Amino acid sequence: MKKEDMKKKIVRAFTLVEMLVVLLVISVLILLFIPNLSKQKETVKNTGNGAVVKVVNSQAELYRLDHTDDVTLGKLVSNGNITQKQADAYNEYYKKNTTESREIPS
């Protein structure tokens, strides 16, 4: 009776080859998706910078209503209308999108 009990307790497990195949498949999937995610990150950043451009242009319009001199990014930053980070995002957007014309000089 003990021999029959021993035969029933055989446990199936993954072999080393099966584990290597699974790891290979996972590695290939990671290699395919990681570059795509970095491209998406750049697209999201560019879209965010486009939104900052709209904010900066709105702040420039408000500046023009209150002042008689020309608007520059430096004046907007010094008056507290925009932050330096927004000014940097504005410049970065126009560096990458050279086909569009800037409304506000640096």
PDB file of N, CA and C in Angstrom:
ATOM      1  N   MET A   1       0.802  -1.178   0.000  1.00  0.00           N
ATOM      2  CA  MET A   1       0.000   0.000   0.000  1.00  0.00           C
ATOM      3  C   MET A   1       0.858   1.261   0.000  1.00  0.00           C
ATOM      4  N   LYS A   2       2.008   1.220   0.554  1.00  0.00           N
ATOM      5  CA  LYS A   2       2.880   2.371   0.580  1.00  0.00           C
ATOM      6  C   LYS A   2       3.390   2.714  -0.818  1.00  0.00           C
ATOM      7  N   LYS A   3       3.598   1.745  -1.657  1.00  0.00           N
ATOM      8  CA  LYS A   3       4.058   2.002  -3.013  1.00  0.00           C
ATOM      9  C   LYS A   3       2.987   2.740  -3.806  1.00  0.00           C
ATOM     10  N   GLU A   4       1.738   2.386  -3.584  1.00  0.00           N
ATOM     11  CA  GLU A   4       0.652   3.080  -4.274  1.00  0.00           C
ATOM     12  C   GLU A   4       0.549   4.533  -3.809  1.00  0.00           C
ATOM     13  N   ASP A   5       0.742   4.786  -2.522  1.00  0.00           N
ATOM     14  CA  ASP A   5       0.718   6.150  -1.999  1.00  0.00           C
ATOM     15  C   ASP A   5       1.863   6.975  -2.588  1.00  0.00           C
ATOM     16  N   MET A   6       3.005   6.374  -2.784  1.00  0.00           N
ATOM     17  CA  MET A   6       4.154   7.067  -3.345  1.00  0.00           C
ATOM     18  C   MET A   6       3.875   7.475  -4.786  1.00  0.00           C
ATOM     19  N   LYS A   7       3.193   6.630  -5.544  1.00  0.00           N
ATOM     20  CA  LYS A   7       2.898   6.932  -6.931  1.00  0.00           C
ATOM     21  C   LYS A   7       1.907   8.095  -7.036  1.00  0.00           C
ATOM     22  N   LYS A   8       0.998   8.226  -6.097  1.00  0.00           N
ATOM     23  CA  LYS A   8       0.003   9.292  -6.128  1.00  0.00           C
ATOM     24  C   LYS A   8       0.604  10.649  -5.781  1.00  0.00           C
ATOM     25  N   LYS A   9       1.718  10.679  -5.087  1.00  0.00           N
ATOM     26  CA  LYS A   9       2.298  11.929  -4.636  1.00  0.00           C
ATOM     27  C   LYS A   9       3.268  12.553  -5.653  1.00  0.00           C
ATOM     28  N   ILE A  10       3.300  12.085  -6.843  1.00  0.00           N
ATOM     29  CA  ILE A  10       4.165  12.680  -7.864  1.00  0.00           C
ATOM     30  C   ILE A  10       3.601  14.059  -8.215  1.00  0.00           C
ATOM     31  N   VAL A  11       4.443  15.066  -8.102  1.00  0.00           N
ATOM     32  CA  VAL A  11       4.029  16.448  -8.336  1.00  0.00           C
ATOM     33  C   VAL A  11       4.647  16.937  -9.638  1.00  0.00           C
ATOM     34  N   ARG A  12       3.785  17.535 -10.465  1.00  0.00           N
ATOM     35  CA  ARG A  12       4.284  18.093 -11.725  1.00  0.00           C
ATOM     36  C   ARG A  12       4.810  19.504 -11.456  1.00  0.00           C
ATOM     37  N   ALA A  13       5.934  19.827 -12.041  1.00  0.00           N
ATOM     38  CA  ALA A  13       6.517  21.155 -11.871  1.00  0.00           C
ATOM     39  C   ALA A  13       7.087  21.608 -13.218  1.00  0.00           C
ATOM     40  N   PHE A  14       7.393  22.907 -13.300  1.00  0.00           N
ATOM     41  CA  PHE A  14       7.995  23.427 -14.520  1.00  0.00           C
ATOM     42  C   PHE A  14       9.424  22.917 -14.637  1.00  0.00           C
ATOM     43  N   THR A  15       9.809  22.600 -15.845  1.00  0.00           N
ATOM     44  CA  THR A  15      11.189  22.199 -16.066  1.00  0.00           C
ATOM     45  C   THR A  15      12.022  23.453 -16.311  1.00  0.00           C
ATOM     46  N   LEU A  16      13.300  23.284 -16.280  1.00  0.00           N
ATOM     47  CA  LEU A  16      14.211  24.409 -16.498  1.00  0.00           C
ATOM     48  C   LEU A  16      14.026  24.990 -17.902  1.00  0.00           C
ATOM     49  N   VAL A  17      13.823  24.155 -18.871  1.00  0.00           N
ATOM     50  CA  VAL A  17      13.632  24.613 -20.249  1.00  0.00           C
ATOM     51  C   VAL A  17      12.351  25.447 -20.359  1.00  0.00           C
ATOM     52  N   GLU A  18      11.295  25.008 -19.721  1.00  0.00           N
ATOM     53  CA  GLU A  18      10.043  25.780 -19.756  1.00  0.00           C
ATOM     54  C   GLU A  18      10.226  27.151 -19.095  1.00  0.00           C
ATOM     55  N   MET A  19      10.948  27.199 -18.001  1.00  0.00           N
ATOM     56  CA  MET A  19      11.203  28.478 -17.333  1.00  0.00           C
ATOM     57  C   MET A  19      12.037  29.398 -18.217  1.00  0.00           C
ATOM     58  N   LEU A  20      13.017  28.852 -18.907  1.00  0.00           N
ATOM     59  CA  LEU A  20      13.848  29.668 -19.803  1.00  0.00           C
ATOM     60  C   LEU A  20      13.027  30.219 -20.974  1.00  0.00           C
ATOM     61  N   VAL A  21      12.114  29.433 -21.494  1.00  0.00           N
ATOM     62  CA  VAL A  21      11.254  29.897 -22.581  1.00  0.00           C
ATOM     63  C   VAL A  21      10.359  31.043 -22.098  1.00  0.00           C
ATOM     64  N   VAL A  22       9.803  30.909 -20.913  1.00  0.00           N
ATOM     65  CA  VAL A  22       8.965  31.974 -20.358  1.00  0.00           C
ATOM     66  C   VAL A  22       9.786  33.248 -20.161  1.00  0.00           C
ATOM     67  N   LEU A  23      10.979  33.142 -19.621  1.00  0.00           N
ATOM     68  CA  LEU A  23      11.844  34.300 -19.437  1.00  0.00           C
ATOM     69  C   LEU A  23      12.234  34.943 -20.769  1.00  0.00           C
ATOM     70  N   LEU A  24      12.458  34.120 -21.784  1.00  0.00           N
ATOM     71  CA  LEU A  24      12.779  34.642 -23.111  1.00  0.00           C
ATOM     72  C   LEU A  24      11.612  35.440 -23.676  1.00  0.00           C
ATOM     73  N   VAL A  25      10.411  34.926 -23.552  1.00  0.00           N
ATOM     74  CA  VAL A  25       9.224  35.620 -24.055  1.00  0.00           C
ATOM     75  C   VAL A  25       9.027  36.945 -23.321  1.00  0.00           C
ATOM     76  N   ILE A  26       9.182  36.946 -22.007  1.00  0.00           N
ATOM     77  CA  ILE A  26       9.045  38.171 -21.224  1.00  0.00           C
ATOM     78  C   ILE A  26      10.112  39.188 -21.632  1.00  0.00           C
ATOM     79  N   SER A  27      11.327  38.737 -21.843  1.00  0.00           N
ATOM     80  CA  SER A  27      12.410  39.637 -22.248  1.00  0.00           C
ATOM     81  C   SER A  27      12.126  40.276 -23.595  1.00  0.00           C
ATOM     82  N   VAL A  28      11.633  39.505 -24.539  1.00  0.00           N
ATOM     83  CA  VAL A  28      11.307  40.042 -25.865  1.00  0.00           C
ATOM     84  C   VAL A  28      10.189  41.074 -25.759  1.00  0.00           C
ATOM     85  N   LEU A  29       9.180  40.799 -24.962  1.00  0.00           N
ATOM     86  CA  LEU A  29       8.088  41.762 -24.777  1.00  0.00           C
ATOM     87  C   LEU A  29       8.590  43.065 -24.157  1.00  0.00           C
ATOM     88  N   ILE A  30       9.470  42.969 -23.192  1.00  0.00           N
ATOM     89  CA  ILE A  30      10.034  44.170 -22.564  1.00  0.00           C
ATOM     90  C   ILE A  30      10.837  44.971 -23.592  1.00  0.00           C
ATOM     91  N   LEU A  31      11.616  44.288 -24.401  1.00  0.00           N
ATOM     92  CA  LEU A  31      12.410  44.986 -25.420  1.00  0.00           C
ATOM     93  C   LEU A  31      11.527  45.685 -26.449  1.00  0.00           C
ATOM     94  N   LEU A  32      10.344  45.160 -26.688  1.00  0.00           N
ATOM     95  CA  LEU A  32       9.439  45.788 -27.644  1.00  0.00           C
ATOM     96  C   LEU A  32       8.719  46.994 -27.046  1.00  0.00           C
ATOM     97  N   PHE A  33       8.368  46.950 -25.767  1.00  0.00           N
ATOM     98  CA  PHE A  33       7.534  47.992 -25.176  1.00  0.00           C
ATOM     99  C   PHE A  33       8.307  49.160 -24.581  1.00  0.00           C
ATOM    100  N   ILE A  34       9.510  48.962 -24.094  1.00  0.00           N
ATOM    101  CA  ILE A  34      10.258  50.046 -23.444  1.00  0.00           C
ATOM    102  C   ILE A  34      10.549  51.194 -24.409  1.00  0.00           C
ATOM    103  N   PRO A  35      11.047  50.965 -25.617  1.00  0.00           N
ATOM    104  CA  PRO A  35      11.266  52.106 -26.531  1.00  0.00           C
ATOM    105  C   PRO A  35       9.971  52.839 -26.872  1.00  0.00           C
ATOM    106  N   ASN A  36       8.869  52.131 -26.989  1.00  0.00           N
ATOM    107  CA  ASN A  36       7.591  52.763 -27.294  1.00  0.00           C
ATOM    108  C   ASN A  36       7.148  53.661 -26.147  1.00  0.00           C
ATOM    109  N   LEU A  37       7.388  53.253 -24.912  1.00  0.00           N
ATOM    110  CA  LEU A  37       7.015  54.074 -23.761  1.00  0.00           C
ATOM    111  C   LEU A  37       7.823  55.363 -23.715  1.00  0.00           C
ATOM    112  N   SER A  38       9.105  55.304 -24.089  1.00  0.00           N
ATOM    113  CA  SER A  38       9.916  56.524 -24.069  1.00  0.00           C
ATOM    114  C   SER A  38       9.453  57.495 -25.148  1.00  0.00           C
ATOM    115  N   LYS A  39       8.974  57.005 -26.277  1.00  0.00           N
ATOM    116  CA  LYS A  39       8.427  57.888 -27.313  1.00  0.00           C
ATOM    117  C   LYS A  39       7.146  58.547 -26.819  1.00  0.00           C
ATOM    118  N   GLN A  40       6.330  57.807 -26.106  1.00  0.00           N
ATOM    119  CA  GLN A  40       5.090  58.359 -25.574  1.00  0.00           C
ATOM    120  C   GLN A  40       5.390  59.444 -24.542  1.00  0.00           C
ATOM    121  N   LYS A  41       6.424  59.248 -23.757  1.00  0.00           N
ATOM    122  CA  LYS A  41       6.796  60.237 -22.746  1.00  0.00           C
ATOM    123  C   LYS A  41       7.162  61.555 -23.419  1.00  0.00           C
ATOM    124  N   GLU A  42       7.879  61.492 -24.519  1.00  0.00           N
ATOM    125  CA  GLU A  42       8.263  62.703 -25.254  1.00  0.00           C
ATOM    126  C   GLU A  42       7.043  63.398 -25.842  1.00  0.00           C
ATOM    127  N   THR A  43       6.085  62.635 -26.330  1.00  0.00           N
ATOM    128  CA  THR A  43       4.855  63.204 -26.876  1.00  0.00           C
ATOM    129  C   THR A  43       4.054  63.915 -25.791  1.00  0.00           C
ATOM    130  N   VAL A  44       3.966  63.303 -24.632  1.00  0.00           N
ATOM    131  CA  VAL A  44       3.233  63.909 -23.521  1.00  0.00           C
ATOM    132  C   VAL A  44       3.916  65.203 -23.072  1.00  0.00           C
ATOM    133  N   LYS A  45       5.240  65.178 -23.021  1.00  0.00           N
ATOM    134  CA  LYS A  45       5.973  66.380 -22.608  1.00  0.00           C
ATOM    135  C   LYS A  45       5.750  67.511 -23.606  1.00  0.00           C
ATOM    136  N   ASN A  46       5.762  67.210 -24.889  1.00  0.00           N
ATOM    137  CA  ASN A  46       5.550  68.234 -25.917  1.00  0.00           C
ATOM    138  C   ASN A  46       4.128  68.796 -25.832  1.00  0.00           C
ATOM    139  N   THR A  47       3.151  67.952 -25.561  1.00  0.00           N
ATOM    140  CA  THR A  47       1.769  68.412 -25.404  1.00  0.00           C
ATOM    141  C   THR A  47       1.645  69.334 -24.188  1.00  0.00           C
ATOM    142  N   GLY A  48       2.305  68.979 -23.106  1.00  0.00           N
ATOM    143  CA  GLY A  48       2.308  69.821 -21.914  1.00  0.00           C
ATOM    144  C   GLY A  48       2.947  71.169 -22.176  1.00  0.00           C
ATOM    145  N   ASN A  49       4.048  71.159 -22.918  1.00  0.00           N
ATOM    146  CA  ASN A  49       4.698  72.428 -23.269  1.00  0.00           C
ATOM    147  C   ASN A  49       3.797  73.280 -24.159  1.00  0.00           C
ATOM    148  N   GLY A  50       3.000  72.635 -25.014  1.00  0.00           N
ATOM    149  CA  GLY A  50       2.040  73.372 -25.836  1.00  0.00           C
ATOM    150  C   GLY A  50       0.999  74.074 -24.978  1.00  0.00           C
ATOM    151  N   ALA A  51       0.597  73.438 -23.901  1.00  0.00           N
ATOM    152  CA  ALA A  51      -0.354  74.061 -22.979  1.00  0.00           C
ATOM    153  C   ALA A  51       0.292  75.244 -22.262  1.00  0.00           C
ATOM    154  N   VAL A  52       1.573  75.108 -21.930  1.00  0.00           N
ATOM    155  CA  VAL A  52       2.291  76.211 -21.283  1.00  0.00           C
ATOM    156  C   VAL A  52       2.379  77.410 -22.230  1.00  0.00           C
ATOM    157  N   VAL A  53       2.550  77.146 -23.518  1.00  0.00           N
ATOM    158  CA  VAL A  53       2.605  78.232 -24.505  1.00  0.00           C
ATOM    159  C   VAL A  53       1.312  79.045 -24.465  1.00  0.00           C
ATOM    160  N   LYS A  54       0.183  78.365 -24.355  1.00  0.00           N
ATOM    161  CA  LYS A  54      -1.099  79.075 -24.284  1.00  0.00           C
ATOM    162  C   LYS A  54      -1.186  79.924 -23.015  1.00  0.00           C
ATOM    163  N   VAL A  55      -0.695  79.396 -21.899  1.00  0.00           N
ATOM    164  CA  VAL A  55      -0.704  80.149 -20.649  1.00  0.00           C
ATOM    165  C   VAL A  55       0.184  81.390 -20.770  1.00  0.00           C
ATOM    166  N   VAL A  56       1.368  81.212 -21.337  1.00  0.00           N
ATOM    167  CA  VAL A  56       2.300  82.336 -21.481  1.00  0.00           C
ATOM    168  C   VAL A  56       1.706  83.397 -22.401  1.00  0.00           C
ATOM    169  N   ASN A  57       1.075  82.972 -23.492  1.00  0.00           N
ATOM    170  CA  ASN A  57       0.445  83.943 -24.400  1.00  0.00           C
ATOM    171  C   ASN A  57      -0.688  84.694 -23.704  1.00  0.00           C
ATOM    172  N   SER A  58      -1.445  84.016 -22.871  1.00  0.00           N
ATOM    173  CA  SER A  58      -2.515  84.684 -22.115  1.00  0.00           C
ATOM    174  C   SER A  58      -1.933  85.700 -21.138  1.00  0.00           C
ATOM    175  N   GLN A  59      -0.869  85.322 -20.465  1.00  0.00           N
ATOM    176  CA  GLN A  59      -0.226  86.247 -19.531  1.00  0.00           C
ATOM    177  C   GLN A  59       0.378  87.448 -20.265  1.00  0.00           C
ATOM    178  N   ALA A  60       0.865  87.221 -21.480  1.00  0.00           N
ATOM    179  CA  ALA A  60       1.404  88.327 -22.276  1.00  0.00           C
ATOM    180  C   ALA A  60       0.294  89.313 -22.652  1.00  0.00           C
ATOM    181  N   GLU A  61      -0.874  88.783 -22.969  1.00  0.00           N
ATOM    182  CA  GLU A  61      -2.011  89.668 -23.280  1.00  0.00           C
ATOM    183  C   GLU A  61      -2.389  90.506 -22.060  1.00  0.00           C
ATOM    184  N   LEU A  62      -2.410  89.878 -20.890  1.00  0.00           N
ATOM    185  CA  LEU A  62      -2.713  90.623 -19.668  1.00  0.00           C
ATOM    186  C   LEU A  62      -1.652  91.692 -19.398  1.00  0.00           C
ATOM    187  N   TYR A  63      -0.389  91.372 -19.671  1.00  0.00           N
ATOM    188  CA  TYR A  63       0.703  92.337 -19.485  1.00  0.00           C
ATOM    189  C   TYR A  63       0.516  93.523 -20.420  1.00  0.00           C
ATOM    190  N   ARG A  64       0.139  93.250 -21.662  1.00  0.00           N
ATOM    191  CA  ARG A  64      -0.068  94.324 -22.648  1.00  0.00           C
ATOM    192  C   ARG A  64      -1.192  95.270 -22.229  1.00  0.00           C
ATOM    193  N   LEU A  65      -2.193  94.733 -21.543  1.00  0.00           N
ATOM    194  CA  LEU A  65      -3.294  95.585 -21.083  1.00  0.00           C
ATOM    195  C   LEU A  65      -2.851  96.554 -19.986  1.00  0.00           C
ATOM    196  N   ASP A  66      -1.883  96.153 -19.175  1.00  0.00           N
ATOM    197  CA  ASP A  66      -1.444  96.967 -18.046  1.00  0.00           C
ATOM    198  C   ASP A  66      -0.228  97.837 -18.334  1.00  0.00           C
ATOM    199  N   HIS A  67       0.530  97.505 -19.375  1.00  0.00           N
ATOM    200  CA  HIS A  67       1.790  98.207 -19.637  1.00  0.00           C
ATOM    201  C   HIS A  67       1.839  98.701 -21.079  1.00  0.00           C
ATOM    202  N   THR A  68       2.674  99.705 -21.305  1.00  0.00           N
ATOM    203  CA  THR A  68       2.796 100.246 -22.662  1.00  0.00           C
ATOM    204  C   THR A  68       4.010  99.701 -23.398  1.00  0.00           C
ATOM    205  N   ASP A  69       4.976  99.118 -22.682  1.00  0.00           N
ATOM    206  CA  ASP A  69       6.179  98.606 -23.337  1.00  0.00           C
ATOM    207  C   ASP A  69       5.956  97.212 -23.921  1.00  0.00           C
ATOM    208  N   ASP A  70       6.932  96.755 -24.707  1.00  0.00           N
ATOM    209  CA  ASP A  70       6.841  95.447 -25.350  1.00  0.00           C
ATOM    210  C   ASP A  70       6.979  94.322 -24.325  1.00  0.00           C
ATOM    211  N   VAL A  71       6.369  93.210 -24.640  1.00  0.00           N
ATOM    212  CA  VAL A  71       6.398  92.043 -23.753  1.00  0.00           C
ATOM    213  C   VAL A  71       7.573  91.149 -24.116  1.00  0.00           C
ATOM    214  N   THR A  72       8.302  90.695 -23.096  1.00  0.00           N
ATOM    215  CA  THR A  72       9.325  89.656 -23.272  1.00  0.00           C
ATOM    216  C   THR A  72       9.139  88.631 -22.166  1.00  0.00           C
ATOM    217  N   LEU A  73       9.733  87.480 -22.372  1.00  0.00           N
ATOM    218  CA  LEU A  73       9.654  86.445 -21.335  1.00  0.00           C
ATOM    219  C   LEU A  73      10.307  86.919 -20.038  1.00  0.00           C
ATOM    220  N   GLY A  74      11.412  87.629 -20.180  1.00  0.00           N
ATOM    221  CA  GLY A  74      12.117  88.126 -19.001  1.00  0.00           C
ATOM    222  C   GLY A  74      11.246  89.057 -18.171  1.00  0.00           C
ATOM    223  N   LYS A  75      10.494  89.920 -18.842  1.00  0.00           N
ATOM    224  CA  LYS A  75       9.603  90.838 -18.120  1.00  0.00           C
ATOM    225  C   LYS A  75       8.464  90.077 -17.450  1.00  0.00           C
ATOM    226  N   LEU A  76       7.933  89.074 -18.136  1.00  0.00           N
ATOM    227  CA  LEU A  76       6.849  88.287 -17.543  1.00  0.00           C
ATOM    228  C   LEU A  76       7.322  87.549 -16.291  1.00  0.00           C
ATOM    229  N   VAL A  77       8.550  87.024 -16.347  1.00  0.00           N
ATOM    230  CA  VAL A  77       9.098  86.308 -15.198  1.00  0.00           C
ATOM    231  C   VAL A  77       9.375  87.289 -14.058  1.00  0.00           C
ATOM    232  N   SER A  78       9.974  88.441 -14.371  1.00  0.00           N
ATOM    233  CA  SER A  78      10.329  89.398 -13.309  1.00  0.00           C
ATOM    234  C   SER A  78       9.091  90.004 -12.655  1.00  0.00           C
ATOM    235  N   ASN A  79       7.998  90.141 -13.399  1.00  0.00           N
ATOM    236  CA  ASN A  79       6.758  90.664 -12.821  1.00  0.00           C
ATOM    237  C   ASN A  79       5.962  89.598 -12.075  1.00  0.00           C
ATOM    238  N   GLY A  80       6.350  88.343 -12.201  1.00  0.00           N
ATOM    239  CA  GLY A  80       5.639  87.268 -11.513  1.00  0.00           C
ATOM    240  C   GLY A  80       4.434  86.752 -12.282  1.00  0.00           C
ATOM    241  N   ASN A  81       4.308  87.140 -13.566  1.00  0.00           N
ATOM    242  CA  ASN A  81       3.198  86.631 -14.375  1.00  0.00           C
ATOM    243  C   ASN A  81       3.367  85.150 -14.688  1.00  0.00           C
ATOM    244  N   ILE A  82       4.610  84.732 -14.918  1.00  0.00           N
ATOM    245  CA  ILE A  82       4.918  83.322 -15.185  1.00  0.00           C
ATOM    246  C   ILE A  82       6.152  82.946 -14.374  1.00  0.00           C
ATOM    247  N   THR A  83       6.378  81.654 -14.244  1.00  0.00           N
ATOM    248  CA  THR A  83       7.574  81.178 -13.541  1.00  0.00           C
ATOM    249  C   THR A  83       8.695  80.951 -14.548  1.00  0.00           C
ATOM    250  N   GLN A  84       9.891  80.806 -14.027  1.00  0.00           N
ATOM    251  CA  GLN A  84      11.036  80.524 -14.903  1.00  0.00           C
ATOM    252  C   GLN A  84      10.863  79.164 -15.581  1.00  0.00           C
ATOM    253  N   LYS A  85      10.258  78.236 -14.878  1.00  0.00           N
ATOM    254  CA  LYS A  85      10.016  76.907 -15.450  1.00  0.00           C
ATOM    255  C   LYS A  85       9.072  77.002 -16.658  1.00  0.00           C
ATOM    256  N   GLN A  86       8.061  77.858 -16.553  1.00  0.00           N
ATOM    257  CA  GLN A  86       7.148  78.055 -17.681  1.00  0.00           C
ATOM    258  C   GLN A  86       7.871  78.712 -18.847  1.00  0.00           C
ATOM    259  N   ALA A  87       8.751  79.657 -18.562  1.00  0.00           N
ATOM    260  CA  ALA A  87       9.525  80.307 -19.619  1.00  0.00           C
ATOM    261  C   ALA A  87      10.432  79.295 -20.320  1.00  0.00           C
ATOM    262  N   ASP A  88      11.036  78.407 -19.531  1.00  0.00           N
ATOM    263  CA  ASP A  88      11.894  77.371 -20.115  1.00  0.00           C
ATOM    264  C   ASP A  88      11.081  76.415 -20.984  1.00  0.00           C
ATOM    265  N   ALA A  89       9.886  76.042 -20.525  1.00  0.00           N
ATOM    266  CA  ALA A  89       9.022  75.154 -21.312  1.00  0.00           C
ATOM    267  C   ALA A  89       8.585  75.846 -22.604  1.00  0.00           C
ATOM    268  N   TYR A  90       8.330  77.149 -22.539  1.00  0.00           N
ATOM    269  CA  TYR A  90       7.965  77.934 -23.723  1.00  0.00           C
ATOM    270  C   TYR A  90       9.094  77.897 -24.754  1.00  0.00           C
ATOM    271  N   ASN A  91      10.321  78.148 -24.294  1.00  0.00           N
ATOM    272  CA  ASN A  91      11.479  78.113 -25.193  1.00  0.00           C
ATOM    273  C   ASN A  91      11.705  76.716 -25.764  1.00  0.00           C
ATOM    274  N   GLU A  92      11.553  75.695 -24.927  1.00  0.00           N
ATOM    275  CA  GLU A  92      11.752  74.313 -25.374  1.00  0.00           C
ATOM    276  C   GLU A  92      10.731  73.929 -26.443  1.00  0.00           C
ATOM    277  N   TYR A  93       9.497  74.376 -26.268  1.00  0.00           N
ATOM    278  CA  TYR A  93       8.453  74.068 -27.243  1.00  0.00           C
ATOM    279  C   TYR A  93       8.818  74.629 -28.612  1.00  0.00           C
ATOM    280  N   TYR A  94       9.298  75.869 -28.652  1.00  0.00           N
ATOM    281  CA  TYR A  94       9.613  76.476 -29.943  1.00  0.00           C
ATOM    282  C   TYR A  94      10.934  75.971 -30.516  1.00  0.00           C
ATOM    283  N   LYS A  95      11.794  75.398 -29.706  1.00  0.00           N
ATOM    284  CA  LYS A  95      12.996  74.752 -30.243  1.00  0.00           C
ATOM    285  C   LYS A  95      12.619  73.493 -31.011  1.00  0.00           C
ATOM    286  N   LYS A  96      11.629  72.761 -30.489  1.00  0.00           N
ATOM    287  CA  LYS A  96      11.223  71.500 -31.133  1.00  0.00           C
ATOM    288  C   LYS A  96      10.233  71.721 -32.263  1.00  0.00           C
ATOM    289  N   ASN A  97       9.471  72.800 -32.199  1.00  0.00           N
ATOM    290  CA  ASN A  97       8.463  73.087 -33.217  1.00  0.00           C
ATOM    291  C   ASN A  97       8.860  74.358 -33.958  1.00  0.00           C
ATOM    292  N   THR A  98       9.845  74.222 -34.831  1.00  0.00           N
ATOM    293  CA  THR A  98      10.404  75.380 -35.503  1.00  0.00           C
ATOM    294  C   THR A  98       9.484  75.944 -36.578  1.00  0.00           C
ATOM    295  N   THR A  99       8.446  75.212 -36.965  1.00  0.00           N
ATOM    296  CA  THR A  99       7.551  75.700 -38.020  1.00  0.00           C
ATOM    297  C   THR A  99       6.609  76.775 -37.495  1.00  0.00           C
ATOM    298  N   GLU A 100       6.391  76.823 -36.179  1.00  0.00           N
ATOM    299  CA  GLU A 100       5.498  77.829 -35.611  1.00  0.00           C
ATOM    300  C   GLU A 100       6.287  79.075 -35.252  1.00  0.00           C
ATOM    301  N   SER A 101       5.639  80.225 -35.372  1.00  0.00           N
ATOM    302  CA  SER A 101       6.330  81.475 -35.049  1.00  0.00           C
ATOM    303  C   SER A 101       6.042  81.878 -33.604  1.00  0.00           C
ATOM    304  N   ARG A 102       7.033  82.422 -32.965  1.00  0.00           N
ATOM    305  CA  ARG A 102       6.917  82.853 -31.571  1.00  0.00           C
ATOM    306  C   ARG A 102       6.210  84.189 -31.510  1.00  0.00           C
ATOM    307  N   GLU A 103       5.345  84.336 -30.537  1.00  0.00           N
ATOM    308  CA  GLU A 103       4.671  85.607 -30.327  1.00  0.00           C
ATOM    309  C   GLU A 103       5.439  86.500 -29.350  1.00  0.00           C
ATOM    310  N   ILE A 104       6.171  85.869 -28.448  1.00  0.00           N
ATOM    311  CA  ILE A 104       6.860  86.621 -27.404  1.00  0.00           C
ATOM    312  C   ILE A 104       8.358  86.366 -27.503  1.00  0.00           C
ATOM    313  N   PRO A 105       9.162  87.409 -27.640  1.00  0.00           N
ATOM    314  CA  PRO A 105      10.607  87.195 -27.670  1.00  0.00           C
ATOM    315  C   PRO A 105      11.160  86.893 -26.281  1.00  0.00           C
ATOM    316  N   SER A 106      12.336  86.325 -26.260  1.00  0.00           N
ATOM    317  CA  SER A 106      12.978  86.039 -24.973  1.00  0.00           C
ATOM    318  C   SER A 106      13.430  87.317 -24.401  1.00  0.00           C
TER     319      SER A 106
END
